[in-house]
N, C-alpha and C. Protein backbone atom coordinates (compact mmCIF):
# COMPACT_ATOMS: atom_id res chain seq x y z
N MET A 1 26.84 53.24 56.00
CA MET A 1 27.60 52.70 54.77
C MET A 1 29.01 53.40 54.66
N THR A 2 28.99 54.63 54.65
CA THR A 2 30.24 55.37 54.48
C THR A 2 31.24 55.08 55.57
N GLY A 3 30.76 54.79 56.73
CA GLY A 3 31.68 54.51 57.85
C GLY A 3 32.24 53.17 57.79
N ASN A 4 31.72 52.29 57.04
CA ASN A 4 32.32 50.88 56.82
C ASN A 4 33.41 50.90 55.82
N LYS A 5 33.42 51.88 54.90
CA LYS A 5 34.45 51.96 53.79
C LYS A 5 35.86 52.05 54.35
N GLY A 6 35.96 52.70 55.61
CA GLY A 6 37.28 52.78 56.14
C GLY A 6 37.80 51.48 56.61
N HIS A 7 36.94 50.46 57.01
CA HIS A 7 37.42 49.12 57.45
C HIS A 7 37.70 48.15 56.32
N ILE A 8 37.42 48.50 55.08
CA ILE A 8 37.63 47.55 53.98
C ILE A 8 39.09 47.64 53.70
N PRO A 9 39.77 46.27 53.71
CA PRO A 9 41.23 46.34 53.52
C PRO A 9 41.50 46.78 52.04
N HIS A 10 42.57 47.42 51.89
CA HIS A 10 43.04 47.88 50.64
C HIS A 10 44.46 47.67 50.46
N LEU A 11 44.96 47.71 49.35
CA LEU A 11 46.33 47.40 49.02
C LEU A 11 47.16 48.66 48.75
N GLU A 12 48.27 48.77 49.34
CA GLU A 12 49.16 49.91 49.06
C GLU A 12 49.92 49.57 47.83
N GLU A 13 50.54 50.42 47.24
CA GLU A 13 51.47 50.27 46.04
C GLU A 13 52.48 49.19 46.40
N GLY A 14 52.57 48.14 45.58
CA GLY A 14 53.73 47.16 45.80
C GLY A 14 53.33 46.12 46.81
N GLU A 15 52.15 46.16 47.29
CA GLU A 15 51.80 45.07 48.30
C GLU A 15 51.20 43.88 47.52
N LEU A 16 51.29 42.71 47.99
CA LEU A 16 50.65 41.47 47.36
C LEU A 16 49.21 41.36 47.92
N TYR A 17 48.99 41.52 49.19
CA TYR A 17 47.61 41.57 49.79
C TYR A 17 47.56 42.38 51.00
N PRO A 18 46.40 42.69 51.50
CA PRO A 18 46.20 43.67 52.46
C PRO A 18 46.83 43.18 53.83
N LYS A 19 47.45 44.23 54.54
CA LYS A 19 48.19 43.79 55.85
C LYS A 19 47.11 43.54 56.93
N GLU A 20 45.94 44.00 56.85
CA GLU A 20 44.95 43.74 57.89
C GLU A 20 44.38 42.40 57.87
N VAL A 21 44.44 41.74 56.72
CA VAL A 21 43.86 40.44 56.60
C VAL A 21 44.90 39.40 56.75
N TYR A 22 46.00 39.38 56.02
CA TYR A 22 47.05 38.43 56.07
C TYR A 22 48.38 39.09 56.42
N ASP A 23 49.18 38.27 57.11
CA ASP A 23 50.51 38.70 57.36
C ASP A 23 51.41 38.57 56.21
N PRO A 24 52.17 39.50 55.91
CA PRO A 24 52.98 39.35 54.63
C PRO A 24 54.03 38.16 54.84
N PRO A 25 54.38 37.55 53.80
CA PRO A 25 55.46 36.42 53.88
C PRO A 25 56.82 37.11 54.16
N PRO A 26 57.67 36.47 54.85
CA PRO A 26 59.05 36.89 55.09
C PRO A 26 59.69 37.30 53.76
N LYS A 27 60.70 38.17 53.81
CA LYS A 27 61.38 38.63 52.65
C LYS A 27 62.08 37.44 51.86
N GLY A 28 61.79 37.42 50.48
CA GLY A 28 62.44 36.36 49.74
C GLY A 28 61.67 35.01 49.63
N GLU A 29 60.62 34.88 50.44
CA GLU A 29 59.78 33.80 50.26
C GLU A 29 58.61 33.89 49.34
N VAL A 30 58.15 32.89 48.73
CA VAL A 30 56.99 32.87 47.87
C VAL A 30 55.74 32.76 48.70
N PRO A 31 54.72 33.62 48.48
CA PRO A 31 53.57 33.47 49.29
C PRO A 31 52.95 32.07 49.13
N HIS A 32 52.23 31.60 50.13
CA HIS A 32 51.67 30.24 50.22
C HIS A 32 50.69 30.00 49.08
N TYR A 33 49.93 30.97 48.77
CA TYR A 33 48.80 30.85 47.75
C TYR A 33 49.33 30.72 46.34
N VAL A 34 50.60 30.95 46.07
CA VAL A 34 51.12 30.87 44.57
C VAL A 34 51.16 29.45 44.12
N HIS A 35 51.40 28.52 44.96
CA HIS A 35 51.43 26.97 44.61
C HIS A 35 49.87 26.68 44.13
N TYR A 36 49.03 27.16 44.99
CA TYR A 36 47.69 26.85 44.66
C TYR A 36 47.15 27.36 43.40
N MET A 37 47.63 28.69 43.10
CA MET A 37 47.25 29.32 41.95
C MET A 37 47.90 28.64 40.67
N ASP A 38 49.10 28.07 40.82
CA ASP A 38 49.78 27.37 39.72
C ASP A 38 49.04 26.19 39.37
N ARG A 39 48.60 25.46 40.42
CA ARG A 39 47.77 24.11 40.15
C ARG A 39 46.36 24.59 39.63
N ALA A 40 45.79 25.52 40.05
CA ALA A 40 44.59 25.95 39.49
C ALA A 40 44.66 26.42 37.98
N GLU A 41 45.77 27.07 37.67
CA GLU A 41 45.98 27.43 36.34
C GLU A 41 46.17 26.29 35.40
N ALA A 42 47.02 25.31 35.90
CA ALA A 42 47.15 24.12 35.09
C ALA A 42 45.85 23.32 34.89
N GLY A 43 44.98 23.30 35.96
CA GLY A 43 43.76 22.69 35.77
C GLY A 43 42.96 23.47 34.83
N LEU A 44 42.83 24.73 34.74
CA LEU A 44 42.09 25.55 33.87
C LEU A 44 42.65 25.23 32.44
N ARG A 45 43.90 25.11 32.20
CA ARG A 45 44.40 24.76 30.90
C ARG A 45 43.86 23.41 30.41
N THR A 46 43.79 22.48 31.36
CA THR A 46 43.34 21.10 31.03
C THR A 46 41.82 21.21 30.58
N VAL A 47 41.04 22.00 31.39
CA VAL A 47 39.64 22.16 30.97
C VAL A 47 39.49 22.85 29.74
N LYS A 48 40.34 23.88 29.52
CA LYS A 48 40.28 24.58 28.25
C LYS A 48 40.50 23.64 27.04
N MET A 49 41.44 22.79 27.16
CA MET A 49 41.76 21.92 26.12
C MET A 49 40.57 20.80 25.91
N VAL A 50 39.99 20.37 26.98
CA VAL A 50 38.85 19.41 26.88
C VAL A 50 37.73 20.10 26.13
N VAL A 51 37.53 21.43 26.65
CA VAL A 51 36.23 22.11 26.04
C VAL A 51 36.53 22.41 24.51
N PHE A 52 37.81 22.91 24.23
CA PHE A 52 38.04 23.18 22.75
C PHE A 52 37.98 22.02 21.95
N ALA A 53 38.54 20.86 22.47
CA ALA A 53 38.39 19.54 21.71
C ALA A 53 36.96 19.12 21.58
N GLY A 54 36.17 19.26 22.58
CA GLY A 54 34.82 18.96 22.49
C GLY A 54 34.00 19.81 21.57
N MET A 55 34.31 21.07 21.51
CA MET A 55 33.62 22.09 20.64
C MET A 55 34.04 21.67 19.16
N THR A 56 35.36 21.35 19.05
CA THR A 56 35.77 21.01 17.53
C THR A 56 35.04 19.80 17.15
N ALA A 57 35.01 18.81 18.07
CA ALA A 57 34.35 17.56 17.57
C ALA A 57 32.87 17.75 17.34
N PHE A 58 32.24 18.64 18.06
CA PHE A 58 30.86 18.92 17.75
C PHE A 58 30.58 19.63 16.46
N VAL A 59 31.62 20.59 16.15
CA VAL A 59 31.39 21.26 14.98
C VAL A 59 31.59 20.27 13.70
N ILE A 60 32.58 19.41 13.88
CA ILE A 60 32.81 18.40 12.91
C ILE A 60 31.75 17.50 12.57
N LEU A 61 31.08 17.02 13.68
CA LEU A 61 29.98 16.06 13.73
C LEU A 61 28.69 16.87 13.08
N ALA A 62 28.55 18.07 13.45
CA ALA A 62 27.47 18.81 12.95
C ALA A 62 27.56 18.93 11.31
N ILE A 63 28.80 19.30 10.91
CA ILE A 63 28.97 19.45 9.49
C ILE A 63 28.73 18.09 8.79
N TYR A 64 29.21 17.02 9.37
CA TYR A 64 29.11 15.62 8.84
C TYR A 64 27.54 15.23 8.82
N GLY A 65 26.84 15.65 9.83
CA GLY A 65 25.38 15.34 9.93
C GLY A 65 24.69 16.16 8.84
N TYR A 66 24.98 17.39 8.60
CA TYR A 66 24.37 18.13 7.62
C TYR A 66 24.72 17.59 6.17
N TYR A 67 25.93 17.05 6.00
CA TYR A 67 26.33 16.56 4.84
C TYR A 67 25.37 15.11 4.61
N LEU A 68 25.27 14.40 5.53
CA LEU A 68 24.38 13.14 5.45
C LEU A 68 22.93 13.53 5.11
N ILE A 69 22.43 14.47 5.74
CA ILE A 69 21.12 14.87 5.50
C ILE A 69 20.90 15.31 4.10
N TYR A 70 21.98 16.24 3.63
CA TYR A 70 21.88 16.73 2.25
C TYR A 70 21.97 15.48 1.25
N GLN A 71 22.77 14.60 1.48
CA GLN A 71 22.91 13.35 0.64
C GLN A 71 21.65 12.66 0.56
N LEU A 72 20.98 12.47 1.76
CA LEU A 72 19.75 11.66 1.94
C LEU A 72 18.58 12.38 1.08
N THR A 73 18.57 13.71 1.22
CA THR A 73 17.54 14.44 0.36
C THR A 73 17.69 14.44 -1.09
N ASP A 74 19.04 14.54 -1.39
CA ASP A 74 19.41 14.41 -2.86
C ASP A 74 19.10 12.98 -3.34
N ASP A 75 19.38 11.94 -2.71
CA ASP A 75 19.12 10.57 -3.09
C ASP A 75 17.64 10.39 -3.21
N ALA A 76 16.85 10.93 -2.19
CA ALA A 76 15.35 10.85 -2.29
C ALA A 76 14.79 11.51 -3.52
N ALA A 77 15.43 12.66 -3.85
CA ALA A 77 14.96 13.30 -5.14
C ALA A 77 15.22 12.59 -6.46
N GLN A 78 16.45 11.88 -6.39
CA GLN A 78 16.84 11.05 -7.56
C GLN A 78 15.94 9.88 -7.68
N MET A 79 15.58 9.27 -6.49
CA MET A 79 14.71 8.12 -6.44
C MET A 79 13.37 8.45 -6.89
N THR A 80 12.75 9.73 -6.64
CA THR A 80 11.53 10.16 -7.18
C THR A 80 11.48 10.21 -8.71
N VAL A 81 12.56 10.84 -9.28
CA VAL A 81 12.68 10.99 -10.64
C VAL A 81 12.78 9.50 -11.36
N THR A 82 13.53 8.63 -10.81
CA THR A 82 13.71 7.35 -11.32
C THR A 82 12.26 6.61 -11.22
N MET A 83 11.54 6.79 -10.17
CA MET A 83 10.21 6.20 -10.04
C MET A 83 9.24 6.65 -11.07
N GLN A 84 9.39 8.01 -11.28
CA GLN A 84 8.36 8.51 -12.41
C GLN A 84 8.80 8.07 -13.72
N LYS A 85 10.08 7.79 -14.10
CA LYS A 85 10.48 7.22 -15.31
C LYS A 85 10.02 5.73 -15.42
N MET A 86 10.06 4.94 -14.36
CA MET A 86 9.69 3.68 -14.26
C MET A 86 8.11 3.69 -14.52
N GLN A 87 7.34 4.61 -13.96
CA GLN A 87 5.91 4.51 -14.18
C GLN A 87 5.63 4.78 -15.54
N ALA A 88 6.36 5.78 -16.23
CA ALA A 88 6.14 5.94 -17.65
C ALA A 88 6.47 4.73 -18.51
N THR A 89 7.43 3.89 -18.04
CA THR A 89 7.66 2.72 -18.74
C THR A 89 6.75 1.68 -18.47
N MET A 90 6.27 1.56 -17.40
CA MET A 90 5.32 0.57 -16.94
C MET A 90 3.96 0.62 -17.53
N GLU A 91 3.55 1.77 -17.78
CA GLU A 91 2.10 1.95 -18.37
C GLU A 91 1.99 1.36 -19.73
N PRO A 92 2.94 1.49 -20.77
CA PRO A 92 2.73 0.80 -22.00
C PRO A 92 3.02 -0.72 -21.85
N MET A 93 3.77 -1.08 -20.79
CA MET A 93 3.93 -2.59 -20.60
C MET A 93 2.67 -3.13 -20.11
N GLY A 94 1.93 -2.45 -19.14
CA GLY A 94 0.70 -2.91 -18.77
C GLY A 94 -0.30 -3.09 -19.82
N GLN A 95 -0.22 -2.09 -20.67
CA GLN A 95 -1.22 -2.16 -21.87
C GLN A 95 -0.83 -3.30 -22.81
N ASN A 96 0.38 -3.49 -23.05
CA ASN A 96 0.87 -4.69 -23.79
C ASN A 96 0.40 -6.03 -23.07
N MET A 97 0.51 -6.05 -21.75
CA MET A 97 0.14 -7.25 -21.06
C MET A 97 -1.39 -7.51 -21.18
N MET A 98 -2.13 -6.49 -21.22
CA MET A 98 -3.65 -6.72 -21.52
C MET A 98 -3.88 -7.15 -22.79
N VAL A 99 -3.20 -6.68 -23.83
CA VAL A 99 -3.31 -7.13 -25.20
C VAL A 99 -2.99 -8.55 -25.28
N MET A 100 -1.90 -8.90 -24.59
CA MET A 100 -1.39 -10.33 -24.60
C MET A 100 -2.47 -11.22 -23.89
N THR A 101 -3.12 -10.82 -22.82
CA THR A 101 -4.01 -11.48 -22.13
C THR A 101 -5.30 -11.80 -23.04
N GLN A 102 -5.62 -10.76 -23.76
CA GLN A 102 -6.77 -11.00 -24.72
C GLN A 102 -6.46 -11.86 -25.83
N SER A 103 -5.18 -11.83 -26.27
CA SER A 103 -4.68 -12.78 -27.33
C SER A 103 -4.67 -14.22 -26.69
N LEU A 104 -4.17 -14.46 -25.60
CA LEU A 104 -4.14 -15.81 -24.90
C LEU A 104 -5.54 -16.31 -24.78
N ILE A 105 -6.55 -15.53 -24.45
CA ILE A 105 -7.90 -15.89 -24.22
C ILE A 105 -8.48 -16.43 -25.65
N SER A 106 -8.18 -15.63 -26.65
CA SER A 106 -8.60 -15.98 -28.08
C SER A 106 -7.89 -17.26 -28.50
N MET A 107 -6.64 -17.47 -28.23
CA MET A 107 -5.88 -18.60 -28.65
C MET A 107 -6.44 -19.82 -27.81
N THR A 108 -6.80 -19.68 -26.63
CA THR A 108 -7.33 -20.82 -25.76
C THR A 108 -8.66 -21.23 -26.38
N GLU A 109 -9.52 -20.29 -26.79
CA GLU A 109 -10.80 -20.60 -27.34
C GLU A 109 -10.53 -21.36 -28.66
N SER A 110 -9.62 -20.97 -29.42
CA SER A 110 -9.31 -21.53 -30.72
C SER A 110 -8.87 -22.98 -30.48
N VAL A 111 -7.86 -23.11 -29.69
CA VAL A 111 -7.36 -24.52 -29.40
C VAL A 111 -8.54 -25.43 -28.87
N ASN A 112 -9.23 -24.87 -27.94
CA ASN A 112 -10.50 -25.72 -27.40
C ASN A 112 -11.38 -26.09 -28.57
N ARG A 113 -11.55 -25.27 -29.57
CA ARG A 113 -12.54 -25.54 -30.65
C ARG A 113 -11.79 -26.60 -31.56
N ILE A 114 -10.55 -26.49 -31.77
CA ILE A 114 -9.71 -27.52 -32.48
C ILE A 114 -9.81 -28.81 -31.90
N GLN A 115 -9.57 -28.82 -30.51
CA GLN A 115 -9.58 -30.17 -29.81
C GLN A 115 -11.02 -30.75 -29.88
N TYR A 116 -12.02 -29.94 -29.72
CA TYR A 116 -13.44 -30.43 -29.77
C TYR A 116 -13.68 -30.98 -31.20
N SER A 117 -13.32 -30.34 -32.25
CA SER A 117 -13.54 -30.62 -33.65
C SER A 117 -12.82 -31.93 -33.92
N THR A 118 -11.56 -32.06 -33.46
CA THR A 118 -10.71 -33.30 -33.76
C THR A 118 -11.30 -34.48 -32.95
N GLY A 119 -11.93 -34.19 -31.72
CA GLY A 119 -12.52 -35.41 -30.96
C GLY A 119 -13.80 -35.71 -31.68
N HIS A 120 -14.53 -34.77 -32.19
CA HIS A 120 -15.82 -35.17 -32.90
C HIS A 120 -15.42 -35.89 -34.19
N MET A 121 -14.42 -35.42 -34.91
CA MET A 121 -14.05 -35.98 -36.15
C MET A 121 -13.59 -37.55 -35.88
N ASP A 122 -12.82 -37.73 -34.81
CA ASP A 122 -12.36 -39.03 -34.38
C ASP A 122 -13.60 -40.00 -34.06
N ARG A 123 -14.49 -39.39 -33.52
CA ARG A 123 -15.69 -40.24 -33.03
C ARG A 123 -16.53 -40.58 -34.46
N SER A 124 -16.55 -39.66 -35.34
CA SER A 124 -17.21 -39.89 -36.62
C SER A 124 -16.51 -40.93 -37.46
N PHE A 125 -15.23 -40.92 -37.45
CA PHE A 125 -14.52 -41.93 -38.29
C PHE A 125 -14.33 -43.21 -37.58
N SER A 126 -14.29 -43.27 -36.22
CA SER A 126 -13.92 -44.52 -35.58
C SER A 126 -14.89 -45.71 -35.90
N GLY A 127 -16.03 -45.42 -36.13
CA GLY A 127 -17.00 -46.59 -36.48
C GLY A 127 -16.72 -47.27 -37.73
N PRO A 128 -16.69 -46.50 -38.74
CA PRO A 128 -16.38 -47.03 -40.10
C PRO A 128 -14.92 -47.64 -40.18
N MET A 129 -13.96 -47.04 -39.52
CA MET A 129 -12.57 -47.47 -39.37
C MET A 129 -12.42 -48.79 -38.69
N ASN A 130 -13.30 -48.98 -37.66
CA ASN A 130 -13.21 -50.34 -36.93
C ASN A 130 -13.76 -51.32 -37.83
N MET A 131 -14.69 -51.14 -38.58
CA MET A 131 -15.09 -52.15 -39.55
C MET A 131 -14.03 -52.45 -40.56
N MET A 132 -13.25 -51.50 -41.09
CA MET A 132 -12.17 -51.64 -41.92
C MET A 132 -11.04 -52.39 -41.23
N ASN A 133 -10.90 -52.11 -40.00
CA ASN A 133 -9.78 -52.86 -39.25
C ASN A 133 -9.96 -54.34 -39.18
N ASN A 134 -11.13 -54.80 -39.24
CA ASN A 134 -11.36 -56.21 -39.22
C ASN A 134 -10.77 -56.91 -40.43
N PHE A 135 -10.61 -56.13 -41.50
CA PHE A 135 -10.00 -56.80 -42.79
C PHE A 135 -8.52 -56.67 -42.80
N MET A 136 -7.91 -55.96 -41.86
CA MET A 136 -6.49 -55.59 -41.95
C MET A 136 -5.72 -56.79 -41.37
N PRO A 137 -4.57 -57.09 -42.07
CA PRO A 137 -3.78 -58.31 -41.62
C PRO A 137 -2.90 -57.90 -40.41
N PHE A 138 -2.39 -58.99 -39.77
CA PHE A 138 -1.45 -58.82 -38.68
C PHE A 138 -2.18 -58.25 -37.39
N GLY A 139 -3.38 -58.58 -37.23
CA GLY A 139 -4.14 -58.20 -35.99
C GLY A 139 -4.57 -56.87 -35.79
N GLY A 140 -4.70 -56.02 -36.89
CA GLY A 140 -4.95 -54.64 -36.95
C GLY A 140 -6.46 -54.43 -36.57
N GLY A 141 -7.24 -55.46 -36.61
CA GLY A 141 -8.72 -55.21 -36.41
C GLY A 141 -8.96 -55.22 -35.01
N GLY A 142 -9.80 -54.25 -34.50
CA GLY A 142 -10.21 -54.16 -33.15
C GLY A 142 -11.49 -53.34 -33.06
N ARG A 143 -12.08 -53.46 -31.90
CA ARG A 143 -13.31 -52.73 -31.59
C ARG A 143 -13.17 -51.55 -30.72
N ASP A 144 -11.91 -51.11 -30.58
CA ASP A 144 -11.76 -50.02 -29.62
C ASP A 144 -12.12 -48.70 -30.32
N ARG A 145 -13.02 -48.06 -29.78
CA ARG A 145 -13.43 -46.75 -30.25
C ARG A 145 -12.98 -45.64 -29.29
N ALA A 146 -12.39 -44.65 -29.89
CA ALA A 146 -11.78 -43.62 -29.14
C ALA A 146 -12.82 -42.93 -28.29
N ARG A 147 -12.45 -42.69 -27.02
CA ARG A 147 -13.34 -42.05 -26.06
C ARG A 147 -12.66 -40.66 -25.53
N TYR A 148 -13.25 -39.55 -25.77
CA TYR A 148 -12.67 -38.20 -25.44
C TYR A 148 -13.67 -37.61 -24.44
N PRO A 149 -13.22 -36.94 -23.46
CA PRO A 149 -14.10 -36.21 -22.45
C PRO A 149 -14.57 -34.87 -23.25
N ALA A 150 -15.69 -34.43 -22.78
CA ALA A 150 -16.11 -33.21 -23.34
C ALA A 150 -15.09 -32.04 -23.14
N THR A 151 -14.87 -31.38 -24.20
CA THR A 151 -13.88 -30.26 -24.13
C THR A 151 -14.52 -29.04 -23.58
N PRO A 152 -13.86 -28.43 -22.52
CA PRO A 152 -14.31 -27.30 -21.99
C PRO A 152 -14.09 -26.05 -22.70
N PHE A 153 -14.96 -25.21 -22.90
CA PHE A 153 -14.68 -23.88 -23.54
C PHE A 153 -14.44 -22.79 -22.51
N VAL A 154 -13.73 -21.80 -22.95
CA VAL A 154 -13.73 -20.68 -22.07
C VAL A 154 -15.09 -20.02 -22.05
N PRO A 155 -15.62 -19.72 -20.84
CA PRO A 155 -17.02 -19.16 -20.91
C PRO A 155 -16.99 -17.78 -21.57
N PRO A 156 -18.02 -17.66 -22.51
CA PRO A 156 -18.03 -16.43 -23.21
C PRO A 156 -18.23 -15.22 -22.39
N ALA A 157 -18.60 -15.35 -21.06
CA ALA A 157 -18.86 -14.00 -20.29
C ALA A 157 -17.54 -13.52 -19.79
N TYR A 158 -16.49 -14.40 -19.80
CA TYR A 158 -15.19 -13.89 -19.46
C TYR A 158 -14.45 -13.09 -20.41
N THR A 159 -14.23 -11.82 -20.13
CA THR A 159 -13.43 -11.00 -21.06
C THR A 159 -12.41 -10.26 -20.23
N ALA A 160 -11.31 -10.13 -20.99
CA ALA A 160 -10.07 -9.40 -20.15
C ALA A 160 -10.51 -7.86 -20.24
N PRO A 161 -9.98 -7.09 -19.27
CA PRO A 161 -10.20 -5.68 -19.25
C PRO A 161 -9.64 -5.16 -20.52
N PRO A 162 -10.03 -3.99 -20.89
CA PRO A 162 -9.56 -3.32 -22.14
C PRO A 162 -8.02 -3.10 -22.01
N ALA A 163 -7.41 -2.86 -23.12
CA ALA A 163 -5.98 -2.62 -23.08
C ALA A 163 -5.56 -1.51 -22.45
N ASN A 164 -6.29 -0.46 -22.34
CA ASN A 164 -5.99 0.89 -21.73
C ASN A 164 -6.41 0.96 -20.24
N ALA A 165 -6.77 -0.18 -19.67
CA ALA A 165 -7.23 -0.20 -18.30
C ALA A 165 -6.27 0.42 -17.22
N TYR A 166 -4.98 0.27 -17.42
CA TYR A 166 -4.03 0.53 -16.52
C TYR A 166 -3.30 1.91 -16.90
N SER A 167 -3.76 2.60 -17.90
CA SER A 167 -3.12 3.79 -18.26
C SER A 167 -3.40 4.92 -17.31
N SER A 168 -2.57 5.92 -17.18
CA SER A 168 -2.75 7.05 -16.30
C SER A 168 -3.92 7.91 -16.71
N GLN A 169 -4.48 7.89 -17.84
CA GLN A 169 -5.56 8.72 -18.29
C GLN A 169 -6.80 8.13 -17.51
N ASN A 170 -6.99 6.93 -17.42
CA ASN A 170 -8.16 6.27 -16.74
C ASN A 170 -8.12 6.58 -15.31
N GLN A 171 -6.86 6.65 -14.73
CA GLN A 171 -6.70 6.71 -13.29
C GLN A 171 -7.09 8.19 -12.92
N GLN A 172 -6.88 9.01 -13.76
CA GLN A 172 -7.12 10.49 -13.42
C GLN A 172 -8.60 10.89 -13.46
N GLN A 173 -9.36 10.02 -14.26
CA GLN A 173 -10.95 10.30 -14.44
C GLN A 173 -11.67 9.91 -13.17
């Protein structure tokens, strides 16, 4: 190993490259590799510009991506709060709807009873009224007796759920 060190080309002070490997260029001429080095340096400048532009674009996109994710999580949190407020508003509304349903069932039963009673009253009066109609002038007498179908009632087995059926207290139990 030490014997090979003497054969390694080395530069003397002021030399551009070793004499044993390359012949020095004539005095006043630029060495042939200088043009290649200039082109390589220009190419490296171009590569640096592209790399720096790419890194800058990546950093800008990363910051923008972080901002979008932050906005998304913030919007999701606001939506959760809004949904909780809506639920608090909807519970009393559901209770009111149950009360309205019970009131409508009661009103339906009352109207059906009124209809049935009116039909029954009409059948009760139509016989004697028909006899009176025979005495009425201008052709008012007739034998038409009013006919009404049987009035359906709401079945007594049907009842609406209690008014607090949809409250959060029942859901927790």
